[in-house]
N, C-alpha and C. Protein backbone atom coordinates (compact mmCIF):
# COMPACT_ATOMS: atom_id res chain seq x y z
N MET A 1 109.26 184.75 88.52
CA MET A 1 109.02 184.67 89.79
C MET A 1 107.27 184.73 89.93
N ILE A 2 106.93 183.54 90.55
CA ILE A 2 105.44 183.67 90.84
C ILE A 2 105.34 183.95 92.22
N THR A 3 104.52 185.22 92.74
CA THR A 3 104.45 185.22 94.06
C THR A 3 102.83 185.09 94.54
N VAL A 4 102.63 184.39 95.59
CA VAL A 4 101.22 184.20 96.09
C VAL A 4 101.04 184.69 97.46
N LYS A 5 100.08 185.49 97.74
CA LYS A 5 99.69 185.74 99.46
C LYS A 5 98.52 185.03 99.46
N VAL A 6 98.29 184.27 100.34
CA VAL A 6 97.03 183.64 100.53
C VAL A 6 96.59 183.79 102.38
N THR A 7 95.41 184.60 102.39
CA THR A 7 95.19 184.86 103.85
C THR A 7 93.72 184.59 104.41
N TYR A 8 93.74 183.46 105.30
CA TYR A 8 92.42 183.01 105.86
C TYR A 8 92.15 183.23 107.31
N THR A 9 91.28 182.79 108.19
CA THR A 9 90.90 182.85 109.50
C THR A 9 90.36 181.41 109.77
N VAL A 10 90.96 180.75 110.95
CA VAL A 10 90.11 179.47 111.31
C VAL A 10 89.50 179.92 112.60
N SER A 11 88.88 179.03 113.04
CA SER A 11 88.31 179.43 114.44
C SER A 11 89.47 178.92 115.32
N ALA A 12 89.36 179.96 116.43
CA ALA A 12 90.05 179.55 117.78
C ALA A 12 90.40 178.51 118.33
N ALA A 13 89.53 177.36 118.07
CA ALA A 13 89.76 175.99 118.61
C ALA A 13 90.75 175.24 117.47
N PHE A 14 90.49 175.67 116.15
CA PHE A 14 91.60 175.26 115.49
C PHE A 14 92.84 175.59 115.13
N ALA A 15 93.00 176.95 115.74
CA ALA A 15 94.10 177.48 115.44
C ALA A 15 95.57 176.69 115.90
N ALA A 16 95.64 175.98 116.89
CA ALA A 16 96.83 175.37 117.29
C ALA A 16 97.19 174.13 116.36
N LYS A 17 95.82 173.57 116.31
CA LYS A 17 95.93 172.52 115.24
C LYS A 17 96.55 172.85 113.68
N ASN A 18 96.34 173.86 113.34
CA ASN A 18 96.57 174.61 111.93
C ASN A 18 97.94 174.94 112.18
N GLN A 19 98.38 175.42 112.99
CA GLN A 19 99.75 175.47 113.46
C GLN A 19 100.55 174.56 113.41
N GLN A 20 100.11 173.45 113.93
CA GLN A 20 101.07 172.15 113.88
C GLN A 20 101.11 171.44 112.34
N ASN A 21 100.04 171.56 111.40
CA ASN A 21 99.80 171.13 110.39
C ASN A 21 100.96 172.14 109.21
N ILE A 22 100.83 173.38 109.53
CA ILE A 22 101.83 173.86 109.00
C ILE A 22 103.42 173.63 109.46
N LEU A 23 103.46 173.56 110.47
CA LEU A 23 105.03 173.20 110.72
C LEU A 23 105.35 171.80 109.83
N THR A 24 104.25 170.95 109.95
CA THR A 24 104.57 169.65 109.35
C THR A 24 104.90 169.98 107.89
N PHE A 25 104.04 170.58 107.30
CA PHE A 25 104.40 170.74 105.58
C PHE A 25 105.87 171.77 105.47
N LEU A 26 105.62 172.57 106.27
CA LEU A 26 107.18 173.18 106.01
C LEU A 26 108.44 172.31 106.30
N GLU A 27 108.23 171.46 107.59
CA GLU A 27 109.49 170.46 107.43
C GLU A 27 109.84 169.65 106.37
N ASP A 28 108.56 169.22 105.42
CA ASP A 28 108.70 168.71 103.94
C ASP A 28 109.60 169.31 103.12
N PHE A 29 108.91 170.61 102.69
CA PHE A 29 109.32 171.58 102.08
C PHE A 29 110.85 171.69 102.24
N ARG A 30 111.40 171.81 103.58
CA ARG A 30 112.91 172.41 103.88
C ARG A 30 113.78 170.83 103.01
N ASP A 31 113.12 169.61 102.82
CA ASP A 31 113.59 168.55 102.26
C ASP A 31 113.86 168.84 100.67
N LEU A 32 113.46 169.99 100.06
CA LEU A 32 113.16 170.12 98.74
C LEU A 32 114.33 171.22 98.25
N ASN A 33 114.33 171.44 97.20
CA ASN A 33 115.72 172.71 96.81
C ASN A 33 115.15 173.84 96.99
N ALA A 34 115.46 174.34 98.27
CA ALA A 34 115.48 175.86 98.55
C ALA A 34 115.98 176.89 97.80
N ASP A 35 116.55 176.67 96.72
CA ASP A 35 116.81 177.49 96.03
C ASP A 35 115.71 178.12 94.95
N ASP A 36 114.96 177.45 94.93
CA ASP A 36 114.05 177.64 93.84
C ASP A 36 112.45 177.80 94.40
N PHE A 37 112.48 178.43 95.67
CA PHE A 37 111.33 178.79 96.23
C PHE A 37 111.40 179.24 97.67
N ARG A 38 110.66 180.25 98.14
CA ARG A 38 110.53 180.68 99.58
C ARG A 38 109.08 180.39 100.01
N TYR A 39 108.93 180.31 101.39
CA TYR A 39 107.64 179.82 101.71
C TYR A 39 107.47 180.38 103.34
N THR A 40 106.64 181.53 103.51
CA THR A 40 106.69 182.02 104.61
C THR A 40 105.20 181.88 105.16
N VAL A 41 104.98 181.92 106.49
CA VAL A 41 103.87 181.81 106.86
C VAL A 41 103.65 182.86 108.26
N TYR A 42 102.67 183.76 108.28
CA TYR A 42 102.64 184.63 109.41
C TYR A 42 101.35 184.11 110.21
N LEU A 43 101.35 184.58 111.41
CA LEU A 43 100.15 184.83 112.38
C LEU A 43 99.80 185.96 112.50
N GLY A 44 98.35 186.43 112.39
CA GLY A 44 97.91 187.56 112.70
C GLY A 44 97.85 187.50 114.30
N ALA A 45 97.44 188.88 114.62
CA ALA A 45 97.42 189.27 116.24
C ALA A 45 96.33 188.79 117.05
N ASP A 46 95.45 188.36 116.10
CA ASP A 46 94.23 187.47 116.75
C ASP A 46 94.60 186.15 116.75
N GLY A 47 95.60 185.57 116.58
CA GLY A 47 96.14 184.27 116.85
C GLY A 47 95.15 183.16 116.09
N LYS A 48 94.43 183.58 114.80
CA LYS A 48 93.68 182.55 114.13
C LYS A 48 93.86 182.91 112.83
N THR A 49 94.13 184.25 112.35
CA THR A 49 94.29 184.75 111.02
C THR A 49 95.59 184.27 110.75
N PHE A 50 95.71 183.32 109.20
CA PHE A 50 97.19 183.20 108.97
C PHE A 50 97.27 183.79 107.61
N ILE A 51 98.86 184.09 107.24
CA ILE A 51 99.28 184.87 106.02
C ILE A 51 100.06 184.03 105.48
N HIS A 52 100.07 183.41 104.36
CA HIS A 52 100.87 182.69 103.54
C HIS A 52 101.48 183.23 102.41
N ILE A 53 102.71 183.49 102.68
CA ILE A 53 103.56 184.11 101.24
C ILE A 53 104.21 183.28 100.60
N SER A 54 104.44 182.99 99.48
CA SER A 54 105.10 181.74 98.59
C SER A 54 105.61 182.73 97.42
N GLN A 55 106.79 182.24 96.96
CA GLN A 55 107.57 182.74 96.02
C GLN A 55 108.01 181.59 95.57
N TYR A 56 107.88 181.28 94.00
CA TYR A 56 108.28 180.35 93.31
C TYR A 56 109.15 180.68 92.28
N ARG A 57 110.27 180.19 91.70
CA ARG A 57 110.97 180.65 90.78
C ARG A 57 110.53 180.15 89.57
N THR A 58 109.74 178.73 89.48
CA THR A 58 108.95 178.48 88.32
C THR A 58 107.81 177.91 88.39
N GLU A 59 106.91 177.88 87.62
CA GLU A 59 105.50 177.23 87.57
C GLU A 59 105.50 175.67 88.12
N SER A 60 106.84 174.86 87.57
CA SER A 60 106.96 173.60 88.02
C SER A 60 107.31 173.46 89.49
N ILE A 61 108.07 174.29 89.95
CA ILE A 61 108.00 174.21 91.47
C ILE A 61 107.03 174.43 92.58
N GLN A 62 106.21 175.34 91.77
CA GLN A 62 104.99 175.51 92.44
C GLN A 62 104.17 174.53 92.48
N LYS A 63 103.83 173.79 91.33
CA LYS A 63 103.21 172.61 91.10
C LYS A 63 103.77 171.61 92.46
N GLU A 64 105.06 171.13 92.08
CA GLU A 64 105.73 170.47 93.28
C GLU A 64 105.40 170.56 94.73
N LEU A 65 105.65 171.90 95.00
CA LEU A 65 105.40 172.22 96.51
C LEU A 65 103.84 171.94 96.94
N LEU A 66 102.75 172.33 96.11
CA LEU A 66 101.28 172.00 96.33
C LEU A 66 100.93 170.81 96.01
N ASN A 67 101.88 169.98 95.73
CA ASN A 67 101.13 168.43 95.52
C ASN A 67 101.73 167.77 96.66
N VAL A 68 102.94 168.23 97.56
CA VAL A 68 103.40 167.36 98.80
C VAL A 68 102.17 167.19 99.55
N PRO A 69 102.32 165.58 99.93
CA PRO A 69 100.97 165.08 100.66
C PRO A 69 100.71 165.92 101.86
N SER A 70 101.99 166.01 102.90
CA SER A 70 101.64 167.01 103.88
C SER A 70 100.88 168.49 103.53
N PHE A 71 101.19 168.83 102.59
CA PHE A 71 100.67 170.17 102.27
C PHE A 71 99.23 170.15 102.09
N LYS A 72 98.79 168.95 100.93
CA LYS A 72 97.65 168.65 100.71
C LYS A 72 96.57 168.23 102.12
N SER A 73 97.15 167.74 102.80
CA SER A 73 96.49 167.00 104.20
C SER A 73 96.36 168.48 104.81
N PHE A 74 97.26 169.45 104.96
CA PHE A 74 97.16 170.80 105.77
C PHE A 74 95.61 171.49 105.28
N GLN A 75 95.83 171.29 103.74
CA GLN A 75 94.40 172.35 103.02
C GLN A 75 93.30 171.47 103.31
N LYS A 76 93.36 170.29 103.25
CA LYS A 76 92.00 169.58 103.39
C LYS A 76 91.39 169.84 104.96
N GLN A 77 92.51 169.55 105.94
CA GLN A 77 92.28 169.80 107.23
C GLN A 77 91.62 171.37 107.45
N ARG A 78 92.21 172.26 107.08
CA ARG A 78 92.16 173.67 107.07
C ARG A 78 90.59 173.94 106.58
N ASP A 79 90.58 173.48 105.37
CA ASP A 79 89.10 173.64 104.58
C ASP A 79 87.88 172.69 105.31
N GLU A 80 88.17 171.75 105.69
CA GLU A 80 87.00 171.05 106.73
C GLU A 80 86.99 171.50 108.24
N SER A 81 87.74 172.73 108.88
CA SER A 81 87.68 172.88 110.11
C SER A 81 86.47 174.08 110.39
N GLY A 82 85.84 174.30 109.32
CA GLY A 82 84.91 175.63 109.66
C GLY A 82 85.20 176.98 109.63
N LEU A 83 86.20 177.29 108.64
CA LEU A 83 86.83 178.63 108.62
C LEU A 83 85.98 179.86 108.79
N GLU A 84 86.29 180.63 109.49
CA GLU A 84 85.39 181.90 109.83
C GLU A 84 85.97 182.84 108.50
N ALA A 85 86.93 182.65 107.97
CA ALA A 85 86.82 183.48 106.74
C ALA A 85 87.84 182.57 105.30
N GLU A 86 87.17 182.55 104.48
CA GLU A 86 87.54 181.77 103.48
C GLU A 86 88.93 182.15 102.84
N PRO A 87 90.00 181.43 102.14
CA PRO A 87 91.39 181.71 101.69
C PRO A 87 90.97 182.81 100.71
N GLN A 88 91.38 183.79 100.95
CA GLN A 88 91.61 185.25 99.94
C GLN A 88 93.02 185.00 99.00
N ILE A 89 93.11 184.52 97.93
CA ILE A 89 94.48 184.41 96.98
C ILE A 89 94.50 185.58 96.41
N GLU A 90 95.75 186.00 96.42
CA GLU A 90 96.12 187.25 95.70
C GLU A 90 97.45 186.80 95.05
N VAL A 91 97.72 187.08 93.60
CA VAL A 91 98.85 186.88 93.07
C VAL A 91 99.45 188.24 92.66
N MET A 92 100.72 188.34 93.21
CA MET A 92 101.54 189.65 93.01
C MET A 92 102.74 189.60 92.46
N LYS A 93 103.06 190.81 91.88
CA LYS A 93 104.19 191.01 90.93
C LYS A 93 105.47 191.48 91.84
N LEU A 94 106.49 190.63 91.82
CA LEU A 94 107.83 191.42 92.73
C LEU A 94 108.39 192.71 91.99
N LEU A 95 108.36 193.50 92.94
CA LEU A 95 108.74 194.84 92.22
C LEU A 95 110.26 195.15 92.29
N ASP A 96 110.53 194.85 93.75
CA ASP A 96 112.05 194.74 94.34
C ASP A 96 112.17 194.49 95.86
N TRP A 97 113.41 194.25 96.17
CA TRP A 97 113.76 194.24 97.48
C TRP A 97 114.84 194.49 97.91
N ALA A 98 115.27 194.72 99.20
CA ALA A 98 116.57 195.04 99.66
C ALA A 98 116.82 194.10 101.16
N GLY A 99 118.03 193.83 100.99
CA GLY A 99 118.60 192.77 102.10
C GLY A 99 118.26 191.76 102.18
N ASP A 100 118.99 190.77 102.78
CA ASP A 100 118.64 189.02 102.46
C ASP A 100 119.33 188.19 103.81
N PHE A 101 118.38 187.94 104.57
CA PHE A 101 118.81 187.41 105.88
C PHE A 101 118.21 185.95 106.04
N VAL A 102 118.84 185.39 107.10
CA VAL A 102 118.15 184.00 106.94
C VAL A 102 117.02 184.24 108.22
N ILE A 103 115.94 183.55 107.81
CA ILE A 103 114.91 183.46 108.88
C ILE A 103 114.64 182.29 109.50
N LYS A 104 114.65 182.76 111.12
CA LYS A 104 114.52 181.21 111.73
C LYS A 104 113.24 181.51 112.35
N PRO A 105 112.70 180.36 112.29
CA PRO A 105 111.02 180.46 112.84
C PRO A 105 111.19 180.74 114.63
N MET A 106 110.33 181.20 115.03
CA MET A 106 109.90 181.47 116.81
C MET A 106 109.08 180.27 116.99
N SER A 107 109.52 179.43 117.98
CA SER A 107 108.90 178.58 118.48
C SER A 107 107.66 179.05 119.46
């Protein structure tokens, strides 16, 4: 299991566009085999800090997701938007978990 946490801050002016871009790539991710990964995105209380937590069963599914065109477009637009805080990437080791529920996005 590969687990990655990415945290970054966009400008307030770009936050809504960033959210739209995230929803676009997540919709494309839903067309893939969801048994092989979990990808969640959180928005911080400031409304412009984003936290992406991704879990991949294998390195090959990680590479597949990271090469989805809408994801690459999201990254490009994010990086060119004038970030307030550059992406901080943290690879984590899954220790354990409890519970299993279906997460439904809040609109």
